[in-house]
Amino acid sequence: MAAQILIHRAVIDELLTHARSEPSVECCGLLAGRDGIITTVFRTKNALASATAYEIAPMELFELFRRMREEYLDHLGIYHSHPVGENAPSRSDIAQAHYPETPYFIISPRPETIRSVRAFSISDGRVEELEIVLVLA
């Protein structure tokens, strides 16, 4: 059985809203929370402004990690969207997965997608899909 990720329903809704508000580029951001439950979305700007790649600018990343510390939140995930194609890790997603202990969420903004939000563990080139468990706020 796959490892589980606990996440508030409102976070899922926010991820979908973000992805659908930027349908022509990969949206991206960080996820945080406490006690292993993801409760907070930190939207970021895609510094690449690309439909097939994303990058969070180093200064923005630094500021978000500082803010998490100030708010006593744990970094619990990284997310981005795939405006085209399947919401599974691409070769570049796997190559650029520099946080092996952190789940990677990939969102599909397309309404016809059956599982619009998926989560993955990516470590040393290995990918494992994680089970998303919704927690009520």
Foldseek 3Di string as FASTA:
>chain_A
DFAEQAEAPVVVVVVLVQCLVLLAAKWKFFFKAPPRYTYDTDTAHFPVRHLADGDGDPVVVVVVVVVCVVVVIDGAAMEIERSDDDQDDDPVNLVPPPPQVHKYWYAYNDPVDPDRIWIWRHDPNDIDTHHYDHDHD
